Amino acid sequence: MKAPPTTVLGYALMGLLHQKAQSGYELRKVFATTPIGSFSDSPGSIYPALARLEKRRWTRAAGEAGDNPRQRKRFSLTAAGVTELKRWLALPVTRQEVASSMDSLWLRCAFVQQVLGIEETLRFLREADREMTTHLVSLREYQRKFMSSVEFSSGRLAFECGLAGVAVSLRGIRRAILQIERDQS
């Protein structure tokens, strides 16, 4: 599988910068104070990721005006950055993503409506529904074949918790689709 043009952290930063220009410090605060707990708020993570985005010309930094000798740079998305963010958000939802990259899937879900609009959000959610349904069927089949005879073990517990998480996610996606369809009619 080909590596993405940037990391999931890079896309998270781009999604936040699509909302408004922010300094590295402000972005770190978002990661430290919101449920986006998948990402470190460490300067050793955030600032190098911002530098990589700037090097690709997906963001631009400008110093703030003022008396502060240590002016904060405020980062904003460039047109090329918006294009790349849109490209990433519009990627098809795959079984691989559902099976092993749920953080990436939920991050895309968080930004897709704001960046691509309601029709693309519905497409995204329907693809996620289809792929998650397929994945859930295969998990239940595996459970039926291999896990039903296993007495309690931490492995069985982990499997069942993972299966339950996929089932709950699928219900949430279906509820979101119904809500959007109701709102559109």
C-alpha atoms as a PDB file:
ATOM      1  CA  MET A   1       0.000   0.000   0.000  1.00  0.00           C
ATOM      2  CA  LYS A   2       1.387   3.395  -0.996  1.00  0.00           C
ATOM      3  CA  ALA A   3       2.138   5.758   1.881  1.00  0.00           C
ATOM      4  CA  PRO A   4      -0.168   8.784   2.137  1.00  0.00           C
ATOM      5  CA  PRO A   5       1.245  12.172   1.171  1.00  0.00           C
ATOM      6  CA  THR A   6       1.248  13.131   4.870  1.00  0.00           C
ATOM      7  CA  THR A   7       0.465  11.554   8.214  1.00  0.00           C
ATOM      8  CA  VAL A   8      -2.910  11.370   9.909  1.00  0.00           C
ATOM      9  CA  LEU A   9      -1.579  14.043  12.277  1.00  0.00           C
ATOM     10  CA  GLY A  10      -0.847  16.214   9.245  1.00  0.00           C
ATOM     11  CA  TYR A  11      -4.418  15.815   8.019  1.00  0.00           C
ATOM     12  CA  ALA A  12      -5.756  16.558  11.517  1.00  0.00           C
ATOM     13  CA  LEU A  13      -3.762  19.792  11.534  1.00  0.00           C
ATOM     14  CA  MET A  14      -4.975  20.654   8.032  1.00  0.00           C
ATOM     15  CA  GLY A  15      -8.589  20.052   9.064  1.00  0.00           C
ATOM     16  CA  LEU A  16      -8.209  22.323  12.067  1.00  0.00           C
ATOM     17  CA  LEU A  17      -6.484  24.984   9.960  1.00  0.00           C
ATOM     18  CA  HIS A  18      -9.321  24.770   7.442  1.00  0.00           C
ATOM     19  CA  GLN A  19     -11.582  26.039  10.242  1.00  0.00           C
ATOM     20  CA  LYS A  20      -9.324  29.004  11.059  1.00  0.00           C
ATOM     21  CA  ALA A  21      -5.698  30.103  11.089  1.00  0.00           C
ATOM     22  CA  GLN A  22      -4.008  29.077  14.317  1.00  0.00           C
ATOM     23  CA  SER A  23      -0.619  29.111  15.974  1.00  0.00           C
ATOM     24  CA  GLY A  24       1.198  25.925  16.865  1.00  0.00           C
ATOM     25  CA  TYR A  25       0.429  26.652  20.505  1.00  0.00           C
ATOM     26  CA  GLU A  26      -3.299  26.970  19.772  1.00  0.00           C
ATOM     27  CA  LEU A  27      -3.236  23.688  17.863  1.00  0.00           C
ATOM     28  CA  ARG A  28      -1.456  22.003  20.762  1.00  0.00           C
ATOM     29  CA  LYS A  29      -4.191  23.277  23.087  1.00  0.00           C
ATOM     30  CA  VAL A  30      -6.847  21.710  20.842  1.00  0.00           C
ATOM     31  CA  PHE A  31      -5.148  18.325  21.144  1.00  0.00           C
ATOM     32  CA  ALA A  32      -4.665  18.759  24.904  1.00  0.00           C
ATOM     33  CA  THR A  33      -8.197  19.905  25.737  1.00  0.00           C
ATOM     34  CA  THR A  34     -10.516  18.077  23.347  1.00  0.00           C
ATOM     35  CA  PRO A  35     -11.377  14.436  22.716  1.00  0.00           C
ATOM     36  CA  ILE A  36      -8.853  14.343  19.848  1.00  0.00           C
ATOM     37  CA  GLY A  37      -6.785  12.177  22.158  1.00  0.00           C
ATOM     38  CA  SER A  38      -5.217  10.154  19.373  1.00  0.00           C
ATOM     39  CA  PHE A  39      -2.600  12.821  18.878  1.00  0.00           C
ATOM     40  CA  SER A  40       0.122  14.057  21.157  1.00  0.00           C
ATOM     41  CA  ASP A  41       0.080  17.710  22.073  1.00  0.00           C
ATOM     42  CA  SER A  42       3.867  17.558  22.348  1.00  0.00           C
ATOM     43  CA  PRO A  43       5.819  20.323  20.605  1.00  0.00           C
ATOM     44  CA  GLY A  44       8.045  17.514  19.303  1.00  0.00           C
ATOM     45  CA  SER A  45       5.068  16.214  17.296  1.00  0.00           C
ATOM     46  CA  ILE A  46       3.118  19.316  16.334  1.00  0.00           C
ATOM     47  CA  TYR A  47       5.874  21.674  15.181  1.00  0.00           C
ATOM     48  CA  PRO A  48       7.713  19.175  12.943  1.00  0.00           C
ATOM     49  CA  ALA A  49       4.361  18.211  11.370  1.00  0.00           C
ATOM     50  CA  LEU A  50       3.586  21.884  10.723  1.00  0.00           C
ATOM     51  CA  ALA A  51       7.048  22.338   9.208  1.00  0.00           C
ATOM     52  CA  ARG A  52       6.449  19.378   6.858  1.00  0.00           C
ATOM     53  CA  LEU A  53       3.102  20.841   5.782  1.00  0.00           C
ATOM     54  CA  GLU A  54       4.727  24.213   5.168  1.00  0.00           C
ATOM     55  CA  LYS A  55       7.546  22.589   3.184  1.00  0.00           C
ATOM     56  CA  ARG A  56       4.922  20.975   0.933  1.00  0.00           C
ATOM     57  CA  ARG A  57       3.301  24.391   0.586  1.00  0.00           C
ATOM     58  CA  TRP A  58       0.041  23.158   2.068  1.00  0.00           C
ATOM     59  CA  THR A  59       0.263  25.708   4.867  1.00  0.00           C
ATOM     60  CA  ARG A  60       1.817  29.108   5.219  1.00  0.00           C
ATOM     61  CA  ALA A  61       2.945  30.792   8.401  1.00  0.00           C
ATOM     62  CA  ALA A  62       2.867  34.470   9.156  1.00  0.00           C
ATOM     63  CA  GLY A  63       4.019  36.261  12.301  1.00  0.00           C
ATOM     64  CA  GLU A  64       1.470  38.105  14.383  1.00  0.00           C
ATOM     65  CA  ALA A  65       1.779  41.836  14.642  1.00  0.00           C
ATOM     66  CA  GLY A  66       2.438  43.216  18.093  1.00  0.00           C
ATOM     67  CA  ASP A  67       5.026  44.124  20.687  1.00  0.00           C
ATOM     68  CA  ASN A  68       5.928  40.542  21.543  1.00  0.00           C
ATOM     69  CA  PRO A  69       9.538  39.882  20.510  1.00  0.00           C
ATOM     70  CA  ARG A  70       8.680  36.183  20.193  1.00  0.00           C
ATOM     71  CA  GLN A  71       5.922  36.568  17.657  1.00  0.00           C
ATOM     72  CA  ARG A  72       3.785  33.535  17.244  1.00  0.00           C
ATOM     73  CA  LYS A  73       3.425  32.201  13.773  1.00  0.00           C
ATOM     74  CA  ARG A  74      -0.155  31.692  12.695  1.00  0.00           C
ATOM     75  CA  PHE A  75      -0.578  28.898  10.207  1.00  0.00           C
ATOM     76  CA  SER A  76      -3.237  28.864   7.516  1.00  0.00           C
ATOM     77  CA  LEU A  77      -4.037  26.478   4.689  1.00  0.00           C
ATOM     78  CA  THR A  78      -2.976  27.409   1.193  1.00  0.00           C
ATOM     79  CA  ALA A  79      -5.100  26.636  -1.869  1.00  0.00           C
ATOM     80  CA  ALA A  80      -2.877  23.587  -2.441  1.00  0.00           C
ATOM     81  CA  GLY A  81      -3.493  22.538   1.177  1.00  0.00           C
ATOM     82  CA  VAL A  82      -7.245  22.800   0.740  1.00  0.00           C
ATOM     83  CA  THR A  83      -6.981  20.728  -2.447  1.00  0.00           C
ATOM     84  CA  GLU A  84      -4.966  18.029  -0.642  1.00  0.00           C
ATOM     85  CA  LEU A  85      -7.355  17.980   2.321  1.00  0.00           C
ATOM     86  CA  LYS A  86     -10.307  17.606  -0.060  1.00  0.00           C
ATOM     87  CA  ARG A  87      -8.538  14.806  -1.918  1.00  0.00           C
ATOM     88  CA  TRP A  88      -7.904  12.905   1.318  1.00  0.00           C
ATOM     89  CA  LEU A  89     -11.435  13.387   2.599  1.00  0.00           C
ATOM     90  CA  ALA A  90     -12.924  12.219  -0.710  1.00  0.00           C
ATOM     91  CA  LEU A  91     -10.973   8.937  -0.757  1.00  0.00           C
ATOM     92  CA  PRO A  92     -13.244   5.894  -0.769  1.00  0.00           C
ATOM     93  CA  VAL A  93     -13.758   4.209   2.589  1.00  0.00           C
ATOM     94  CA  THR A  94     -12.030   0.842   2.387  1.00  0.00           C
ATOM     95  CA  ARG A  95     -12.266  -2.377   4.338  1.00  0.00           C
ATOM     96  CA  GLN A  96      -8.615  -1.881   5.314  1.00  0.00           C
ATOM     97  CA  GLU A  97      -9.405   1.487   6.867  1.00  0.00           C
ATOM     98  CA  VAL A  98     -12.382   0.060   8.750  1.00  0.00           C
ATOM     99  CA  ALA A  99     -10.372  -2.926   9.982  1.00  0.00           C
ATOM    100  CA  SER A 100      -7.183  -1.175  11.030  1.00  0.00           C
ATOM    101  CA  SER A 101      -7.404   2.628  10.820  1.00  0.00           C
ATOM    102  CA  MET A 102     -10.565   3.666  12.639  1.00  0.00           C
ATOM    103  CA  ASP A 103      -8.827   6.787  13.975  1.00  0.00           C
ATOM    104  CA  SER A 104      -8.269   7.907  10.395  1.00  0.00           C
ATOM    105  CA  LEU A 105     -11.876   7.089   9.474  1.00  0.00           C
ATOM    106  CA  TRP A 106     -13.295   9.094  12.395  1.00  0.00           C
ATOM    107  CA  LEU A 107     -10.970  11.986  11.664  1.00  0.00           C
ATOM    108  CA  ARG A 108     -12.214  12.078   8.072  1.00  0.00           C
ATOM    109  CA  CYS A 109     -15.768  11.899   9.407  1.00  0.00           C
ATOM    110  CA  ALA A 110     -15.096  14.894  11.670  1.00  0.00           C
ATOM    111  CA  PHE A 111     -14.069  17.141   8.768  1.00  0.00           C
ATOM    112  CA  VAL A 112     -15.897  15.832   5.688  1.00  0.00           C
ATOM    113  CA  GLN A 113     -19.115  17.846   6.019  1.00  0.00           C
ATOM    114  CA  GLN A 114     -17.374  21.125   6.775  1.00  0.00           C
ATOM    115  CA  VAL A 115     -14.936  20.732   3.870  1.00  0.00           C
ATOM    116  CA  LEU A 116     -16.875  18.791   1.209  1.00  0.00           C
ATOM    117  CA  GLY A 117     -20.536  19.408   2.009  1.00  0.00           C
ATOM    118  CA  ILE A 118     -23.556  17.299   2.753  1.00  0.00           C
ATOM    119  CA  GLU A 119     -23.683  15.154  -0.408  1.00  0.00           C
ATOM    120  CA  GLU A 120     -20.088  14.016   0.032  1.00  0.00           C
ATOM    121  CA  THR A 121     -20.798  13.399   3.707  1.00  0.00           C
ATOM    122  CA  LEU A 122     -23.648  11.064   2.759  1.00  0.00           C
ATOM    123  CA  ARG A 123     -21.439   9.272   0.252  1.00  0.00           C
ATOM    124  CA  PHE A 124     -18.744   8.878   2.890  1.00  0.00           C
ATOM    125  CA  LEU A 125     -21.179   7.582   5.503  1.00  0.00           C
ATOM    126  CA  ARG A 126     -22.796   5.130   3.078  1.00  0.00           C
ATOM    127  CA  GLU A 127     -19.386   3.760   2.094  1.00  0.00           C
ATOM    128  CA  ALA A 128     -18.460   3.454   5.761  1.00  0.00           C
ATOM    129  CA  ASP A 129     -21.758   1.642   6.398  1.00  0.00           C
ATOM    130  CA  ARG A 130     -21.084  -0.816   3.568  1.00  0.00           C
ATOM    131  CA  GLU A 131     -17.487  -1.532   4.569  1.00  0.00           C
ATOM    132  CA  MET A 132     -18.265  -1.734   8.275  1.00  0.00           C
ATOM    133  CA  THR A 133     -21.168  -4.104   7.615  1.00  0.00           C
ATOM    134  CA  THR A 134     -18.875  -6.383   5.604  1.00  0.00           C
ATOM    135  CA  HIS A 135     -16.236  -6.232   8.314  1.00  0.00           C
ATOM    136  CA  LEU A 136     -18.785  -6.952  11.059  1.00  0.00           C
ATOM    137  CA  VAL A 137     -20.110  -9.995   9.177  1.00  0.00           C
ATOM    138  CA  SER A 138     -16.581 -11.377   8.866  1.00  0.00           C
ATOM    139  CA  LEU A 139     -15.882 -10.733  12.558  1.00  0.00           C
ATOM    140  CA  ARG A 140     -19.076 -12.532  13.566  1.00  0.00           C
ATOM    141  CA  GLU A 141     -18.203 -15.434  11.294  1.00  0.00           C
ATOM    142  CA  TYR A 142     -14.760 -15.650  12.861  1.00  0.00           C
ATOM    143  CA  GLN A 143     -16.357 -15.518  16.298  1.00  0.00           C
ATOM    144  CA  ARG A 144     -18.760 -18.322  15.386  1.00  0.00           C
ATOM    145  CA  LYS A 145     -16.016 -20.541  13.952  1.00  0.00           C
ATOM    146  CA  PHE A 146     -13.120 -19.926  16.286  1.00  0.00           C
ATOM    147  CA  MET A 147     -14.121 -18.060  19.407  1.00  0.00           C
ATOM    148  CA  SER A 148     -17.285 -19.869  20.506  1.00  0.00           C
ATOM    149  CA  SER A 149     -15.329 -22.801  21.935  1.00  0.00           C
ATOM    150  CA  VAL A 150     -12.721 -20.646  23.658  1.00  0.00           C
ATOM    151  CA  GLU A 151     -13.273 -20.312  27.372  1.00  0.00           C
ATOM    152  CA  PHE A 152     -12.699 -16.928  28.902  1.00  0.00           C
ATOM    153  CA  SER A 153      -9.372 -15.430  28.042  1.00  0.00           C
ATOM    154  CA  SER A 154      -8.065 -11.922  27.669  1.00  0.00           C
ATOM    155  CA  GLY A 155      -7.811 -12.584  23.920  1.00  0.00           C
ATOM    156  CA  ARG A 156     -11.493 -13.439  23.715  1.00  0.00           C
ATOM    157  CA  LEU A 157     -12.351 -10.357  25.762  1.00  0.00           C
ATOM    158  CA  ALA A 158     -10.303  -8.157  23.430  1.00  0.00           C
ATOM    159  CA  PHE A 159     -11.963  -9.684  20.368  1.00  0.00           C
ATOM    160  CA  GLU A 160     -15.474  -9.244  21.773  1.00  0.00           C
ATOM    161  CA  CYS A 161     -14.793  -5.635  22.780  1.00  0.00           C
ATOM    162  CA  GLY A 162     -13.474  -4.895  19.301  1.00  0.00           C
ATOM    163  CA  LEU A 163     -16.526  -6.515  17.707  1.00  0.00           C
ATOM    164  CA  ALA A 164     -18.842  -4.521  19.987  1.00  0.00           C
ATOM    165  CA  GLY A 165     -17.009  -1.316  19.038  1.00  0.00           C
ATOM    166  CA  VAL A 166     -17.562  -1.963  15.335  1.00  0.00           C
ATOM    167  CA  ALA A 167     -21.260  -2.721  15.964  1.00  0.00           C
ATOM    168  CA  VAL A 168     -21.725   0.513  17.935  1.00  0.00           C
ATOM    169  CA  SER A 169     -19.882   2.511  15.261  1.00  0.00           C
ATOM    170  CA  LEU A 170     -22.121   1.026  12.581  1.00  0.00           C
ATOM    171  CA  ARG A 171     -25.264   1.982  14.520  1.00  0.00           C
ATOM    172  CA  GLY A 172     -23.949   5.532  14.881  1.00  0.00           C
ATOM    173  CA  ILE A 173     -23.217   5.803  11.164  1.00  0.00           C
ATOM    174  CA  ARG A 174     -26.706   4.560  10.299  1.00  0.00           C
ATOM    175  CA  ARG A 175     -28.278   7.004  12.723  1.00  0.00           C
ATOM    176  CA  ALA A 176     -26.270   9.856  11.139  1.00  0.00           C
ATOM    177  CA  ILE A 177     -27.384   8.852   7.632  1.00  0.00           C
ATOM    178  CA  LEU A 178     -31.042   8.804   8.711  1.00  0.00           C
ATOM    179  CA  GLN A 179     -30.700  12.182  10.421  1.00  0.00           C
ATOM    180  CA  ILE A 180     -29.105  13.806   7.375  1.00  0.00           C
ATOM    181  CA  GLU A 181     -31.724  12.299   5.052  1.00  0.00           C
ATOM    182  CA  ARG A 182     -34.518  13.576   7.350  1.00  0.00           C
ATOM    183  CA  ASP A 183     -32.951  17.031   7.465  1.00  0.00           C
ATOM    184  CA  GLN A 184     -32.753  17.145   3.658  1.00  0.00           C
ATOM    185  CA  SER A 185     -36.408  16.219   3.067  1.00  0.00           C
END
